[in-house]
Amino acid sequence: MSKCPNCGKKLKLVNVSQFCPHCGANMRFINFEENFYREAKYAELAQANVKAKIKRLKGAFIGSKLTIARLVVAVLPLLTLLIPTGGYAIRMPLLEIARDFGLLGLIAIFTGTDLAYITGMTGAGAVGADFTALRNALFGYVGAAAGAVIVFLLTALCFLSIKNMQKIISVFAGLGVALCGAGFGLIVSFANKCDGSVMVGGRSGFGLIVTAVAFAAVIVVNTILDKKGVPVDYEEGTEERCAIYKKLRRGEVKLEELPQPVVETEKTRALEAKIADEEAKYRKEIEEEAEDDG
């Protein structure tokens, strides 16, 4: 059950009136002014927090030519995966498979039964070593492709940390370069090992080399952006309000302790001056009416 904010006595479910049945106080307007200023202060802080998030989102993606360039280069590693890094072929009496070490071939591998068949054949006598090399080559290529996906996703989420995301993206792009090198080496090793094999054949290509170059471009752009910084055009007082809002959420400050407005800016001072002018005009009109009546 609720209580009357004036006398503190309990209210029954049948007490639907805005007036307390015990003390007769209008419960709707008790502490109205305090609650009004409380809500106004919270709205000022919460609105500033939302505006700051929108500004960071805009700045992270289209704040400058460098941020736009970051979006462009983030897609390059994925696009370069369309360039095959060689391929493989399996020739059996009742089965023949030919795939590329590329994005389209990778999709075909994981949507079909190729991977299960290759994994199963790794322990098959004389050809087991060939299939093991093929499996390792596939996993190496998958690692490079996973690096490209991670870099793209981190770039899409770059607004989460304006200061640190450039470093994080650069680290994962560097890892992508290493994975491209490892994948390329495994594919070349597989192609050399299966040279002359009747059952399993392979060839190497340059696709992952291009992908490594794309990762390098990601590193360069994000490193420059990290040094110059991501431009975010905050309005006056926004950063101060956001800092106070965080303290409020953590319980370090209370709304009752904060002034109204919470942070004074040129805009709030102009509004206060306008209100003061309107009040002065109103008082002057009242005084003139009183003099006329007198």
C-alpha atoms as a PDB file:
ATOM      1  CA  MET A   1       0.000   0.000   0.000  1.00  0.00           C
ATOM      2  CA  SER A   2       1.086   3.573  -0.692  1.00  0.00           C
ATOM      3  CA  LYS A   3       1.330   6.330   1.882  1.00  0.00           C
ATOM      4  CA  CYS A   4       0.354   9.967   1.933  1.00  0.00           C
ATOM      5  CA  PRO A   5       3.488  12.062   1.255  1.00  0.00           C
ATOM      6  CA  ASN A   6       2.208  14.679   3.737  1.00  0.00           C
ATOM      7  CA  CYS A   7       1.082  12.775   6.845  1.00  0.00           C
ATOM      8  CA  GLY A   8       2.614   9.366   6.090  1.00  0.00           C
ATOM      9  CA  LYS A   9      -0.568   7.416   6.790  1.00  0.00           C
ATOM     10  CA  LYS A  10      -1.422   4.398   4.637  1.00  0.00           C
ATOM     11  CA  LEU A  11      -3.905   4.720   1.807  1.00  0.00           C
ATOM     12  CA  LYS A  12      -6.436   2.088   0.877  1.00  0.00           C
ATOM     13  CA  LEU A  13      -7.209   0.887  -2.628  1.00  0.00           C
ATOM     14  CA  VAL A  14     -10.504   2.752  -2.502  1.00  0.00           C
ATOM     15  CA  ASN A  15      -8.742   6.071  -1.844  1.00  0.00           C
ATOM     16  CA  VAL A  16      -8.546   7.159  -5.480  1.00  0.00           C
ATOM     17  CA  SER A  17      -8.940  10.878  -4.849  1.00  0.00           C
ATOM     18  CA  GLN A  18      -5.938  13.188  -5.111  1.00  0.00           C
ATOM     19  CA  PHE A  19      -6.796  14.448  -1.607  1.00  0.00           C
ATOM     20  CA  CYS A  20      -5.611  12.501   1.436  1.00  0.00           C
ATOM     21  CA  PRO A  21      -8.572  11.102   3.435  1.00  0.00           C
ATOM     22  CA  HIS A  22      -6.630  11.651   6.671  1.00  0.00           C
ATOM     23  CA  CYS A  23      -5.099  15.138   6.408  1.00  0.00           C
ATOM     24  CA  GLY A  24      -6.912  16.506   3.347  1.00  0.00           C
ATOM     25  CA  ALA A  25      -3.656  17.487   1.574  1.00  0.00           C
ATOM     26  CA  ASN A  26      -3.577  17.542  -2.221  1.00  0.00           C
ATOM     27  CA  MET A  27      -1.106  14.692  -2.742  1.00  0.00           C
ATOM     28  CA  ARG A  28      -0.553  15.544  -6.398  1.00  0.00           C
ATOM     29  CA  PHE A  29       1.050  18.901  -5.596  1.00  0.00           C
ATOM     30  CA  ILE A  30       2.998  18.033  -2.454  1.00  0.00           C
ATOM     31  CA  ASN A  31       6.706  18.617  -3.118  1.00  0.00           C
ATOM     32  CA  PHE A  32       5.755  19.610  -6.669  1.00  0.00           C
ATOM     33  CA  GLU A  33       8.470  22.249  -6.983  1.00  0.00           C
ATOM     34  CA  GLU A  34      11.207  19.953  -5.600  1.00  0.00           C
ATOM     35  CA  ASN A  35      10.170  17.121  -7.910  1.00  0.00           C
ATOM     36  CA  PHE A  36      10.002  19.488 -10.874  1.00  0.00           C
ATOM     37  CA  TYR A  37      13.575  20.702 -10.390  1.00  0.00           C
ATOM     38  CA  ARG A  38      14.719  17.153  -9.706  1.00  0.00           C
ATOM     39  CA  GLU A  39      13.294  15.925 -13.014  1.00  0.00           C
ATOM     40  CA  ALA A  40      14.650  18.976 -14.842  1.00  0.00           C
ATOM     41  CA  LYS A  41      18.186  18.313 -13.591  1.00  0.00           C
ATOM     42  CA  TYR A  42      18.010  14.629 -14.499  1.00  0.00           C
ATOM     43  CA  ALA A  43      16.647  15.464 -17.951  1.00  0.00           C
ATOM     44  CA  GLU A  44      19.512  17.931 -18.513  1.00  0.00           C
ATOM     45  CA  LEU A  45      22.122  15.278 -17.707  1.00  0.00           C
ATOM     46  CA  ALA A  46      20.440  12.388 -19.519  1.00  0.00           C
ATOM     47  CA  GLN A  47      19.848  14.463 -22.650  1.00  0.00           C
ATOM     48  CA  ALA A  48      23.497  15.533 -22.694  1.00  0.00           C
ATOM     49  CA  ASN A  49      24.556  11.879 -22.416  1.00  0.00           C
ATOM     50  CA  VAL A  50      22.407  10.921 -25.421  1.00  0.00           C
ATOM     51  CA  LYS A  51      23.702  13.873 -27.454  1.00  0.00           C
ATOM     52  CA  ALA A  52      27.292  12.911 -26.624  1.00  0.00           C
ATOM     53  CA  LYS A  53      26.701   9.356 -27.869  1.00  0.00           C
ATOM     54  CA  ILE A  54      25.251  10.666 -31.139  1.00  0.00           C
ATOM     55  CA  LYS A  55      28.210  13.032 -31.561  1.00  0.00           C
ATOM     56  CA  ARG A  56      30.669  10.186 -30.939  1.00  0.00           C
ATOM     57  CA  LEU A  57      28.839   7.953 -33.406  1.00  0.00           C
ATOM     58  CA  LYS A  58      28.946  10.659 -36.064  1.00  0.00           C
ATOM     59  CA  GLY A  59      32.571  11.543 -35.339  1.00  0.00           C
ATOM     60  CA  ALA A  60      33.729   7.919 -35.426  1.00  0.00           C
ATOM     61  CA  PHE A  61      32.279   7.302 -38.884  1.00  0.00           C
ATOM     62  CA  ILE A  62      32.234  10.597 -40.784  1.00  0.00           C
ATOM     63  CA  GLY A  63      34.035  13.027 -38.477  1.00  0.00           C
ATOM     64  CA  SER A  64      36.945  13.507 -40.871  1.00  0.00           C
ATOM     65  CA  LYS A  65      38.504  12.217 -44.083  1.00  0.00           C
ATOM     66  CA  LEU A  66      40.555   9.762 -42.036  1.00  0.00           C
ATOM     67  CA  THR A  67      37.515   8.224 -40.339  1.00  0.00           C
ATOM     68  CA  ILE A  68      35.874   7.798 -43.744  1.00  0.00           C
ATOM     69  CA  ALA A  69      39.100   6.244 -45.054  1.00  0.00           C
ATOM     70  CA  ARG A  70      39.050   3.850 -42.099  1.00  0.00           C
ATOM     71  CA  LEU A  71      35.632   2.587 -43.166  1.00  0.00           C
ATOM     72  CA  VAL A  72      36.873   2.082 -46.729  1.00  0.00           C
ATOM     73  CA  VAL A  73      40.051   0.171 -45.854  1.00  0.00           C
ATOM     74  CA  ALA A  74      38.182  -2.012 -43.338  1.00  0.00           C
ATOM     75  CA  VAL A  75      36.287  -3.600 -46.233  1.00  0.00           C
ATOM     76  CA  LEU A  76      39.418  -4.265 -48.318  1.00  0.00           C
ATOM     77  CA  PRO A  77      40.592  -7.446 -46.503  1.00  0.00           C
ATOM     78  CA  LEU A  78      37.159  -8.996 -47.043  1.00  0.00           C
ATOM     79  CA  LEU A  79      37.077  -8.006 -50.708  1.00  0.00           C
ATOM     80  CA  THR A  80      40.561  -9.370 -51.373  1.00  0.00           C
ATOM     81  CA  LEU A  81      39.399 -12.777 -50.143  1.00  0.00           C
ATOM     82  CA  LEU A  82      37.543 -13.022 -53.450  1.00  0.00           C
ATOM     83  CA  ILE A  83      40.981 -13.413 -55.096  1.00  0.00           C
ATOM     84  CA  PRO A  84      41.864 -17.138 -54.901  1.00  0.00           C
ATOM     85  CA  THR A  85      45.064 -18.227 -53.194  1.00  0.00           C
ATOM     86  CA  GLY A  86      45.345 -21.343 -55.319  1.00  0.00           C
ATOM     87  CA  GLY A  87      43.058 -24.317 -54.925  1.00  0.00           C
ATOM     88  CA  TYR A  88      42.790 -28.063 -54.455  1.00  0.00           C
ATOM     89  CA  ALA A  89      41.280 -31.059 -56.217  1.00  0.00           C
ATOM     90  CA  ILE A  90      40.279 -34.479 -54.933  1.00  0.00           C
ATOM     91  CA  ARG A  91      39.968 -37.252 -57.508  1.00  0.00           C
ATOM     92  CA  MET A  92      38.319 -40.501 -56.476  1.00  0.00           C
ATOM     93  CA  PRO A  93      36.510 -43.164 -58.535  1.00  0.00           C
ATOM     94  CA  LEU A  94      33.099 -42.000 -57.311  1.00  0.00           C
ATOM     95  CA  LEU A  95      33.995 -38.501 -56.154  1.00  0.00           C
ATOM     96  CA  GLU A  96      35.631 -35.470 -57.708  1.00  0.00           C
ATOM     97  CA  ILE A  97      35.950 -32.134 -55.881  1.00  0.00           C
ATOM     98  CA  ALA A  98      37.649 -28.959 -57.097  1.00  0.00           C
ATOM     99  CA  ARG A  99      37.664 -25.827 -54.931  1.00  0.00           C
ATOM    100  CA  ASP A 100      39.547 -22.559 -54.709  1.00  0.00           C
ATOM    101  CA  PHE A 101      41.238 -21.210 -51.598  1.00  0.00           C
ATOM    102  CA  GLY A 102      39.027 -18.152 -51.724  1.00  0.00           C
ATOM    103  CA  LEU A 103      35.927 -16.701 -50.097  1.00  0.00           C
ATOM    104  CA  LEU A 104      33.522 -18.399 -52.520  1.00  0.00           C
ATOM    105  CA  GLY A 105      35.347 -21.691 -52.200  1.00  0.00           C
ATOM    106  CA  LEU A 106      35.315 -21.340 -48.415  1.00  0.00           C
ATOM    107  CA  ILE A 107      31.541 -20.883 -48.422  1.00  0.00           C
ATOM    108  CA  ALA A 108      31.171 -23.985 -50.596  1.00  0.00           C
ATOM    109  CA  ILE A 109      33.410 -25.986 -48.244  1.00  0.00           C
ATOM    110  CA  PHE A 110      31.469 -25.149 -45.100  1.00  0.00           C
ATOM    111  CA  THR A 111      28.025 -25.480 -46.681  1.00  0.00           C
ATOM    112  CA  GLY A 112      28.885 -28.885 -48.149  1.00  0.00           C
ATOM    113  CA  THR A 113      30.484 -32.081 -46.875  1.00  0.00           C
ATOM    114  CA  ASP A 114      34.047 -31.313 -48.015  1.00  0.00           C
ATOM    115  CA  LEU A 115      35.471 -30.536 -44.586  1.00  0.00           C
ATOM    116  CA  ALA A 116      34.032 -33.654 -42.979  1.00  0.00           C
ATOM    117  CA  TYR A 117      35.381 -35.820 -45.818  1.00  0.00           C
ATOM    118  CA  ILE A 118      38.858 -34.225 -45.703  1.00  0.00           C
ATOM    119  CA  THR A 119      39.054 -34.551 -41.912  1.00  0.00           C
ATOM    120  CA  GLY A 120      37.978 -38.185 -42.137  1.00  0.00           C
ATOM    121  CA  MET A 121      40.651 -38.968 -44.725  1.00  0.00           C
ATOM    122  CA  THR A 122      43.541 -37.590 -42.652  1.00  0.00           C
ATOM    123  CA  GLY A 123      44.056 -41.021 -41.135  1.00  0.00           C
ATOM    124  CA  ALA A 124      43.712 -42.953 -44.371  1.00  0.00           C
ATOM    125  CA  GLY A 125      47.004 -44.791 -44.879  1.00  0.00           C
ATOM    126  CA  ALA A 126      49.279 -43.510 -47.633  1.00  0.00           C
ATOM    127  CA  VAL A 127      47.156 -40.491 -48.573  1.00  0.00           C
ATOM    128  CA  GLY A 128      46.550 -39.406 -44.971  1.00  0.00           C
ATOM    129  CA  ALA A 129      49.512 -37.012 -45.009  1.00  0.00           C
ATOM    130  CA  ASP A 130      48.189 -35.317 -48.171  1.00  0.00           C
ATOM    131  CA  PHE A 131      44.765 -34.797 -46.625  1.00  0.00           C
ATOM    132  CA  THR A 132      46.365 -33.556 -43.408  1.00  0.00           C
ATOM    133  CA  ALA A 133      48.293 -30.940 -45.398  1.00  0.00           C
ATOM    134  CA  LEU A 134      45.054 -29.972 -47.148  1.00  0.00           C
ATOM    135  CA  ARG A 135      43.221 -29.647 -43.839  1.00  0.00           C
ATOM    136  CA  ASN A 136      45.994 -27.466 -42.415  1.00  0.00           C
ATOM    137  CA  ALA A 137      45.928 -25.277 -45.535  1.00  0.00           C
ATOM    138  CA  LEU A 138      42.161 -24.836 -45.144  1.00  0.00           C
ATOM    139  CA  PHE A 139      42.488 -23.927 -41.470  1.00  0.00           C
ATOM    140  CA  GLY A 140      45.259 -21.464 -42.319  1.00  0.00           C
ATOM    141  CA  TYR A 141      43.036 -19.751 -44.867  1.00  0.00           C
ATOM    142  CA  VAL A 142      40.102 -19.747 -42.433  1.00  0.00           C
ATOM    143  CA  GLY A 143      42.309 -17.977 -39.871  1.00  0.00           C
ATOM    144  CA  ALA A 144      43.138 -15.200 -42.341  1.00  0.00           C
ATOM    145  CA  ALA A 145      39.447 -14.867 -43.293  1.00  0.00           C
ATOM    146  CA  ALA A 146      38.467 -14.700 -39.608  1.00  0.00           C
ATOM    147  CA  GLY A 147      40.984 -11.875 -39.132  1.00  0.00           C
ATOM    148  CA  ALA A 148      39.352  -9.924 -41.972  1.00  0.00           C
ATOM    149  CA  VAL A 149      35.905 -10.378 -40.416  1.00  0.00           C
ATOM    150  CA  ILE A 150      37.119  -9.298 -36.963  1.00  0.00           C
ATOM    151  CA  VAL A 151      38.771  -6.146 -38.330  1.00  0.00           C
ATOM    152  CA  PHE A 152      35.574  -5.230 -40.174  1.00  0.00           C
ATOM    153  CA  LEU A 153      33.402  -5.786 -37.080  1.00  0.00           C
ATOM    154  CA  LEU A 154      35.753  -3.769 -34.855  1.00  0.00           C
ATOM    155  CA  THR A 155      35.626  -0.917 -37.364  1.00  0.00           C
ATOM    156  CA  ALA A 156      31.825  -1.087 -37.366  1.00  0.00           C
ATOM    157  CA  LEU A 157      31.948  -0.778 -33.555  1.00  0.00           C
ATOM    158  CA  CYS A 158      34.646   1.921 -33.478  1.00  0.00           C
ATOM    159  CA  PHE A 159      32.263   4.376 -31.772  1.00  0.00           C
ATOM    160  CA  LEU A 160      32.418   2.320 -28.559  1.00  0.00           C
ATOM    161  CA  SER A 161      35.845   3.753 -27.742  1.00  0.00           C
ATOM    162  CA  ILE A 162      36.934   6.920 -29.511  1.00  0.00           C
ATOM    163  CA  LYS A 163      40.403   6.856 -27.922  1.00  0.00           C
ATOM    164  CA  ASN A 164      41.373   3.182 -27.942  1.00  0.00           C
ATOM    165  CA  MET A 165      39.622   1.501 -30.880  1.00  0.00           C
ATOM    166  CA  GLN A 166      42.283   2.636 -33.366  1.00  0.00           C
ATOM    167  CA  LYS A 167      44.933   0.756 -31.380  1.00  0.00           C
ATOM    168  CA  ILE A 168      42.739  -2.340 -31.066  1.00  0.00           C
ATOM    169  CA  ILE A 169      42.004  -2.418 -34.795  1.00  0.00           C
ATOM    170  CA  SER A 170      45.696  -2.000 -35.609  1.00  0.00           C
ATOM    171  CA  VAL A 171      46.627  -4.913 -33.324  1.00  0.00           C
ATOM    172  CA  PHE A 172      44.090  -7.243 -34.948  1.00  0.00           C
ATOM    173  CA  ALA A 173      45.112  -6.057 -38.426  1.00  0.00           C
ATOM    174  CA  GLY A 174      48.710  -6.923 -37.523  1.00  0.00           C
ATOM    175  CA  LEU A 175      47.483 -10.335 -36.417  1.00  0.00           C
ATOM    176  CA  GLY A 176      45.711 -10.572 -39.777  1.00  0.00           C
ATOM    177  CA  VAL A 177      49.014 -10.001 -41.592  1.00  0.00           C
ATOM    178  CA  ALA A 178      50.581 -12.819 -39.578  1.00  0.00           C
ATOM    179  CA  LEU A 179      47.642 -15.126 -40.305  1.00  0.00           C
ATOM    180  CA  CYS A 180      47.894 -14.338 -44.015  1.00  0.00           C
ATOM    181  CA  GLY A 181      51.563 -15.277 -43.935  1.00  0.00           C
ATOM    182  CA  ALA A 182      50.830 -18.510 -42.091  1.00  0.00           C
ATOM    183  CA  GLY A 183      47.919 -19.394 -44.387  1.00  0.00           C
ATOM    184  CA  PHE A 184      49.944 -18.662 -47.516  1.00  0.00           C
ATOM    185  CA  GLY A 185      52.817 -20.808 -46.221  1.00  0.00           C
ATOM    186  CA  LEU A 186      50.481 -23.725 -45.447  1.00  0.00           C
ATOM    187  CA  ILE A 187      48.876 -23.525 -48.904  1.00  0.00           C
ATOM    188  CA  VAL A 188      52.281 -23.477 -50.635  1.00  0.00           C
ATOM    189  CA  SER A 189      53.422 -26.399 -48.464  1.00  0.00           C
ATOM    190  CA  PHE A 190      50.287 -28.352 -49.371  1.00  0.00           C
ATOM    191  CA  ALA A 191      50.709 -27.656 -53.094  1.00  0.00           C
ATOM    192  CA  ASN A 192      54.342 -28.802 -53.002  1.00  0.00           C
ATOM    193  CA  LYS A 193      53.576 -31.892 -50.957  1.00  0.00           C
ATOM    194  CA  CYS A 194      50.792 -33.037 -53.288  1.00  0.00           C
ATOM    195  CA  ASP A 195      52.768 -32.410 -56.453  1.00  0.00           C
ATOM    196  CA  GLY A 196      52.469 -35.603 -58.464  1.00  0.00           C
ATOM    197  CA  SER A 197      49.793 -37.152 -56.218  1.00  0.00           C
ATOM    198  CA  VAL A 198      47.097 -39.038 -58.097  1.00  0.00           C
ATOM    199  CA  MET A 199      44.351 -38.559 -55.470  1.00  0.00           C
ATOM    200  CA  VAL A 200      44.949 -35.036 -54.148  1.00  0.00           C
ATOM    201  CA  GLY A 201      46.217 -32.082 -56.128  1.00  0.00           C
ATOM    202  CA  GLY A 202      46.916 -28.507 -55.145  1.00  0.00           C
ATOM    203  CA  ARG A 203      48.150 -25.190 -56.463  1.00  0.00           C
ATOM    204  CA  SER A 204      49.170 -21.948 -54.806  1.00  0.00           C
ATOM    205  CA  GLY A 205      48.225 -18.371 -55.664  1.00  0.00           C
ATOM    206  CA  PHE A 206      48.773 -14.791 -54.485  1.00  0.00           C
ATOM    207  CA  GLY A 207      45.369 -13.925 -52.985  1.00  0.00           C
ATOM    208  CA  LEU A 208      46.507 -13.869 -49.338  1.00  0.00           C
ATOM    209  CA  ILE A 209      49.460 -11.653 -50.259  1.00  0.00           C
ATOM    210  CA  VAL A 210      46.977  -9.036 -51.472  1.00  0.00           C
ATOM    211  CA  THR A 211      44.950  -9.552 -48.279  1.00  0.00           C
ATOM    212  CA  ALA A 212      48.085  -8.938 -46.191  1.00  0.00           C
ATOM    213  CA  VAL A 213      48.625  -5.665 -48.069  1.00  0.00           C
ATOM    214  CA  ALA A 214      45.001  -4.708 -47.301  1.00  0.00           C
ATOM    215  CA  PHE A 215      45.609  -5.407 -43.606  1.00  0.00           C
ATOM    216  CA  ALA A 216      48.706  -3.208 -43.794  1.00  0.00           C
ATOM    217  CA  ALA A 217      46.567  -0.385 -45.215  1.00  0.00           C
ATOM    218  CA  VAL A 218      44.213  -0.787 -42.233  1.00  0.00           C
ATOM    219  CA  ILE A 219      47.172  -0.474 -39.860  1.00  0.00           C
ATOM    220  CA  VAL A 220      48.483   2.667 -41.575  1.00  0.00           C
ATOM    221  CA  VAL A 221      45.131   4.494 -41.549  1.00  0.00           C
ATOM    222  CA  ASN A 222      44.323   3.583 -37.937  1.00  0.00           C
ATOM    223  CA  THR A 223      47.815   4.485 -36.737  1.00  0.00           C
ATOM    224  CA  ILE A 224      47.565   7.945 -38.312  1.00  0.00           C
ATOM    225  CA  LEU A 225      44.059   8.349 -36.908  1.00  0.00           C
ATOM    226  CA  ASP A 226      45.295   7.337 -33.463  1.00  0.00           C
ATOM    227  CA  LYS A 227      47.959  10.071 -33.559  1.00  0.00           C
ATOM    228  CA  LYS A 228      45.655  12.805 -34.870  1.00  0.00           C
ATOM    229  CA  GLY A 229      42.604  11.723 -32.884  1.00  0.00           C
ATOM    230  CA  VAL A 230      38.952  11.318 -33.831  1.00  0.00           C
ATOM    231  CA  PRO A 231      37.256  14.750 -34.013  1.00  0.00           C
ATOM    232  CA  VAL A 232      34.086  14.979 -31.919  1.00  0.00           C
ATOM    233  CA  ASP A 233      32.314  18.352 -31.897  1.00  0.00           C
ATOM    234  CA  TYR A 234      30.678  18.514 -28.456  1.00  0.00           C
ATOM    235  CA  GLU A 235      28.444  21.414 -27.531  1.00  0.00           C
ATOM    236  CA  GLU A 236      29.477  23.629 -24.627  1.00  0.00           C
ATOM    237  CA  GLY A 237      28.885  21.882 -21.302  1.00  0.00           C
ATOM    238  CA  THR A 238      28.191  18.442 -22.790  1.00  0.00           C
ATOM    239  CA  GLU A 239      31.369  16.785 -21.522  1.00  0.00           C
ATOM    240  CA  GLU A 240      30.886  18.255 -18.030  1.00  0.00           C
ATOM    241  CA  ARG A 241      27.289  17.036 -17.917  1.00  0.00           C
ATOM    242  CA  CYS A 242      28.321  13.549 -19.077  1.00  0.00           C
ATOM    243  CA  ALA A 243      30.940  13.348 -16.327  1.00  0.00           C
ATOM    244  CA  ILE A 244      28.358  14.362 -13.709  1.00  0.00           C
ATOM    245  CA  TYR A 245      25.831  11.903 -15.189  1.00  0.00           C
ATOM    246  CA  LYS A 246      28.329   9.044 -14.756  1.00  0.00           C
ATOM    247  CA  LYS A 247      28.913  10.053 -11.142  1.00  0.00           C
ATOM    248  CA  LEU A 248      25.147  10.187 -10.612  1.00  0.00           C
ATOM    249  CA  ARG A 249      24.727   6.666 -12.029  1.00  0.00           C
ATOM    250  CA  ARG A 250      27.514   5.397  -9.766  1.00  0.00           C
ATOM    251  CA  GLY A 251      25.893   7.024  -6.742  1.00  0.00           C
ATOM    252  CA  GLU A 252      28.789   9.429  -6.131  1.00  0.00           C
ATOM    253  CA  VAL A 253      26.503  12.483  -6.257  1.00  0.00           C
ATOM    254  CA  LYS A 254      22.806  13.081  -5.681  1.00  0.00           C
ATOM    255  CA  LEU A 255      20.391  15.204  -7.698  1.00  0.00           C
ATOM    256  CA  GLU A 256      19.490  17.187  -4.588  1.00  0.00           C
ATOM    257  CA  GLU A 257      23.112  18.314  -4.294  1.00  0.00           C
ATOM    258  CA  LEU A 258      23.299  19.650  -7.846  1.00  0.00           C
ATOM    259  CA  PRO A 259      22.404  23.224  -8.884  1.00  0.00           C
ATOM    260  CA  GLN A 260      19.817  24.130 -11.504  1.00  0.00           C
ATOM    261  CA  PRO A 261      20.978  24.294 -14.233  1.00  0.00           C
ATOM    262  CA  VAL A 262      23.562  21.637 -13.419  1.00  0.00           C
ATOM    263  CA  VAL A 263      26.131  23.200 -15.786  1.00  0.00           C
ATOM    264  CA  GLU A 264      25.970  26.838 -16.789  1.00  0.00           C
ATOM    265  CA  THR A 265      26.671  27.613 -20.439  1.00  0.00           C
ATOM    266  CA  GLU A 266      26.245  30.591 -22.714  1.00  0.00           C
ATOM    267  CA  LYS A 267      22.930  29.109 -23.772  1.00  0.00           C
ATOM    268  CA  THR A 268      21.598  28.710 -20.221  1.00  0.00           C
ATOM    269  CA  ARG A 269      22.810  32.191 -19.242  1.00  0.00           C
ATOM    270  CA  ALA A 270      20.991  33.686 -22.226  1.00  0.00           C
ATOM    271  CA  LEU A 271      17.831  31.790 -21.255  1.00  0.00           C
ATOM    272  CA  GLU A 272      18.069  32.965 -17.640  1.00  0.00           C
ATOM    273  CA  ALA A 273      18.540  36.556 -18.830  1.00  0.00           C
ATOM    274  CA  LYS A 274      15.487  36.256 -21.057  1.00  0.00           C
ATOM    275  CA  ILE A 275      13.393  34.884 -18.176  1.00  0.00           C
ATOM    276  CA  ALA A 276      14.600  37.700 -15.920  1.00  0.00           C
ATOM    277  CA  ASP A 277      13.605  40.268 -18.563  1.00  0.00           C
ATOM    278  CA  GLU A 278      10.145  38.730 -18.902  1.00  0.00           C
ATOM    279  CA  GLU A 279       9.697  38.750 -15.110  1.00  0.00           C
ATOM    280  CA  ALA A 280      10.785  42.393 -14.946  1.00  0.00           C
ATOM    281  CA  LYS A 281       8.319  43.333 -17.682  1.00  0.00           C
ATOM    282  CA  TYR A 282       5.558  41.447 -15.892  1.00  0.00           C
ATOM    283  CA  ARG A 283       6.276  43.175 -12.559  1.00  0.00           C
ATOM    284  CA  LYS A 284       6.365  46.562 -14.300  1.00  0.00           C
ATOM    285  CA  GLU A 285       2.974  45.900 -15.888  1.00  0.00           C
ATOM    286  CA  ILE A 286       1.538  44.912 -12.501  1.00  0.00           C
ATOM    287  CA  GLU A 287       2.909  48.070 -10.888  1.00  0.00           C
ATOM    288  CA  GLU A 288       1.523  50.261 -13.679  1.00  0.00           C
ATOM    289  CA  GLU A 289      -1.901  48.636 -13.350  1.00  0.00           C
ATOM    290  CA  ALA A 290      -1.781  49.184  -9.580  1.00  0.00           C
ATOM    291  CA  GLU A 291      -0.940  52.868 -10.088  1.00  0.00           C
ATOM    292  CA  ASP A 292      -3.766  53.291 -12.595  1.00  0.00           C
ATOM    293  CA  ASP A 293      -6.204  51.664 -10.183  1.00  0.00           C
ATOM    294  CA  GLY A 294      -4.939  53.958  -7.383  1.00  0.00           C
END
